[in-house]
Amino acid sequence: MSVLGPALGKSPRELNRPMMALKRAGRVPSVGQRAQTRYYPAAVRSSASAS
């Protein structure tokens, strides 16, 4: 959050609640704990395999 916050014009604290909601929904996987947490975009599922 300390890297993303300034890029978005927000403080890391302001981004905490929205990021937790995304993590719970499974949209943003994370690795690490506390200040060392890294966030990654979730893999996009292809709709081509459904046809």
N, C-alpha and C. Protein backbone atom coordinates (compact mmCIF):
# COMPACT_ATOMS: atom_id res chain seq x y z
N MET A 1 0.81 -1.18 0.00
CA MET A 1 0.00 0.00 0.00
C MET A 1 0.86 1.26 0.00
N SER A 2 2.06 1.16 0.55
CA SER A 2 2.92 2.35 0.59
C SER A 2 3.40 2.74 -0.81
N VAL A 3 3.38 1.80 -1.75
CA VAL A 3 3.75 2.10 -3.13
C VAL A 3 2.51 2.54 -3.93
N LEU A 4 1.41 1.83 -3.74
CA LEU A 4 0.19 2.14 -4.48
C LEU A 4 -0.48 3.43 -4.02
N GLY A 5 -0.44 3.70 -2.73
CA GLY A 5 -1.11 4.87 -2.17
C GLY A 5 -0.73 6.18 -2.84
N PRO A 6 0.56 6.54 -2.84
CA PRO A 6 0.95 7.81 -3.47
C PRO A 6 0.63 7.85 -4.98
N ALA A 7 0.73 6.72 -5.64
CA ALA A 7 0.42 6.68 -7.08
C ALA A 7 -1.05 6.98 -7.33
N LEU A 8 -1.91 6.63 -6.37
CA LEU A 8 -3.35 6.86 -6.49
C LEU A 8 -3.80 8.14 -5.78
N GLY A 9 -2.87 8.81 -5.11
CA GLY A 9 -3.22 10.02 -4.39
C GLY A 9 -3.95 9.73 -3.09
N LYS A 10 -3.75 8.56 -2.53
CA LYS A 10 -4.40 8.16 -1.27
C LYS A 10 -3.35 7.72 -0.27
N SER A 11 -3.70 7.73 1.00
CA SER A 11 -2.79 7.21 2.01
C SER A 11 -2.96 5.69 2.07
N PRO A 12 -1.92 4.97 2.51
CA PRO A 12 -2.05 3.52 2.65
C PRO A 12 -3.22 3.12 3.55
N ARG A 13 -3.49 3.92 4.55
CA ARG A 13 -4.60 3.62 5.47
C ARG A 13 -5.95 3.70 4.76
N GLU A 14 -6.10 4.65 3.83
CA GLU A 14 -7.36 4.78 3.08
C GLU A 14 -7.60 3.59 2.16
N LEU A 15 -6.55 2.93 1.73
CA LEU A 15 -6.67 1.80 0.80
C LEU A 15 -6.85 0.47 1.52
N ASN A 16 -6.68 0.45 2.82
CA ASN A 16 -6.74 -0.81 3.56
C ASN A 16 -8.10 -1.51 3.44
N ARG A 17 -9.17 -0.81 3.70
CA ARG A 17 -10.50 -1.44 3.67
C ARG A 17 -10.89 -1.93 2.27
N PRO A 18 -10.71 -1.12 1.21
CA PRO A 18 -11.03 -1.64 -0.13
C PRO A 18 -10.18 -2.86 -0.51
N MET A 19 -8.90 -2.87 -0.11
CA MET A 19 -8.03 -4.00 -0.45
C MET A 19 -8.46 -5.25 0.30
N MET A 20 -8.88 -5.11 1.53
CA MET A 20 -9.35 -6.28 2.30
C MET A 20 -10.60 -6.86 1.65
N ALA A 21 -11.48 -6.02 1.15
CA ALA A 21 -12.69 -6.52 0.46
C ALA A 21 -12.31 -7.28 -0.81
N LEU A 22 -11.34 -6.77 -1.56
CA LEU A 22 -10.89 -7.46 -2.77
C LEU A 22 -10.23 -8.79 -2.43
N LYS A 23 -9.46 -8.84 -1.35
CA LYS A 23 -8.82 -10.09 -0.94
C LYS A 23 -9.87 -11.13 -0.54
N ARG A 24 -10.88 -10.71 0.23
CA ARG A 24 -11.94 -11.64 0.64
C ARG A 24 -12.71 -12.18 -0.55
N ALA A 25 -12.89 -11.36 -1.58
CA ALA A 25 -13.62 -11.78 -2.77
C ALA A 25 -12.77 -12.66 -3.69
N GLY A 26 -11.48 -12.79 -3.37
CA GLY A 26 -10.60 -13.62 -4.18
C GLY A 26 -10.11 -12.94 -5.45
N ARG A 27 -10.26 -11.63 -5.51
CA ARG A 27 -9.87 -10.90 -6.72
C ARG A 27 -8.42 -10.44 -6.67
N VAL A 28 -7.81 -10.38 -5.46
CA VAL A 28 -6.43 -9.95 -5.32
C VAL A 28 -5.71 -10.87 -4.36
N PRO A 29 -4.93 -11.82 -4.87
CA PRO A 29 -4.14 -12.67 -3.97
C PRO A 29 -2.96 -11.86 -3.40
N SER A 30 -2.51 -12.24 -2.23
CA SER A 30 -1.39 -11.54 -1.62
C SER A 30 -0.40 -12.55 -1.04
N VAL A 31 0.84 -12.08 -0.88
CA VAL A 31 1.90 -12.90 -0.32
C VAL A 31 2.62 -12.04 0.71
N GLY A 32 2.90 -12.58 1.88
CA GLY A 32 3.62 -11.85 2.91
C GLY A 32 2.70 -11.40 4.02
N GLN A 33 3.30 -10.72 4.98
CA GLN A 33 2.54 -10.25 6.13
C GLN A 33 2.86 -8.80 6.41
N ARG A 34 1.89 -8.08 6.90
CA ARG A 34 2.01 -6.70 7.34
C ARG A 34 2.70 -5.81 6.31
N ALA A 35 3.81 -5.18 6.66
CA ALA A 35 4.46 -4.22 5.76
C ALA A 35 5.13 -4.90 4.56
N GLN A 36 5.32 -6.20 4.63
CA GLN A 36 5.99 -6.92 3.55
C GLN A 36 5.00 -7.57 2.57
N THR A 37 3.72 -7.25 2.67
CA THR A 37 2.71 -7.86 1.81
C THR A 37 2.83 -7.36 0.39
N ARG A 38 2.77 -8.28 -0.55
CA ARG A 38 2.77 -7.96 -1.98
C ARG A 38 1.45 -8.44 -2.56
N TYR A 39 0.85 -7.64 -3.41
CA TYR A 39 -0.44 -7.95 -4.00
C TYR A 39 -0.27 -8.21 -5.49
N TYR A 40 -1.02 -9.18 -5.99
CA TYR A 40 -0.94 -9.58 -7.39
C TYR A 40 -2.34 -9.60 -7.99
N PRO A 41 -2.47 -9.30 -9.27
CA PRO A 41 -3.78 -9.42 -9.90
C PRO A 41 -4.17 -10.89 -9.99
N ALA A 42 -5.43 -11.18 -9.80
CA ALA A 42 -5.92 -12.55 -9.90
C ALA A 42 -5.87 -12.99 -11.36
N ALA A 43 -5.67 -14.27 -11.58
CA ALA A 43 -5.64 -14.81 -12.95
C ALA A 43 -7.02 -14.69 -13.55
N VAL A 44 -7.06 -14.25 -14.79
CA VAL A 44 -8.32 -14.11 -15.51
C VAL A 44 -8.67 -15.44 -16.14
N ARG A 45 -9.87 -15.88 -15.92
CA ARG A 45 -10.32 -17.16 -16.50
C ARG A 45 -10.79 -16.93 -17.92
N SER A 46 -10.38 -17.80 -18.78
CA SER A 46 -10.76 -17.70 -20.19
C SER A 46 -12.14 -18.30 -20.41
N SER A 47 -12.99 -17.60 -21.15
CA SER A 47 -14.31 -18.12 -21.46
C SER A 47 -14.26 -19.07 -22.64
N ALA A 48 -13.11 -19.14 -23.34
CA ALA A 48 -12.96 -20.02 -24.50
C ALA A 48 -13.01 -21.49 -24.09
N SER A 49 -12.59 -21.81 -22.87
CA SER A 49 -12.59 -23.19 -22.43
C SER A 49 -14.01 -23.69 -22.15
N ALA A 50 -14.96 -22.79 -21.98
CA ALA A 50 -16.34 -23.16 -21.70
C ALA A 50 -17.11 -23.55 -22.96
N SER A 51 -16.56 -23.23 -24.14
CA SER A 51 -17.31 -23.51 -25.37
C SER A 51 -16.93 -24.79 -26.02
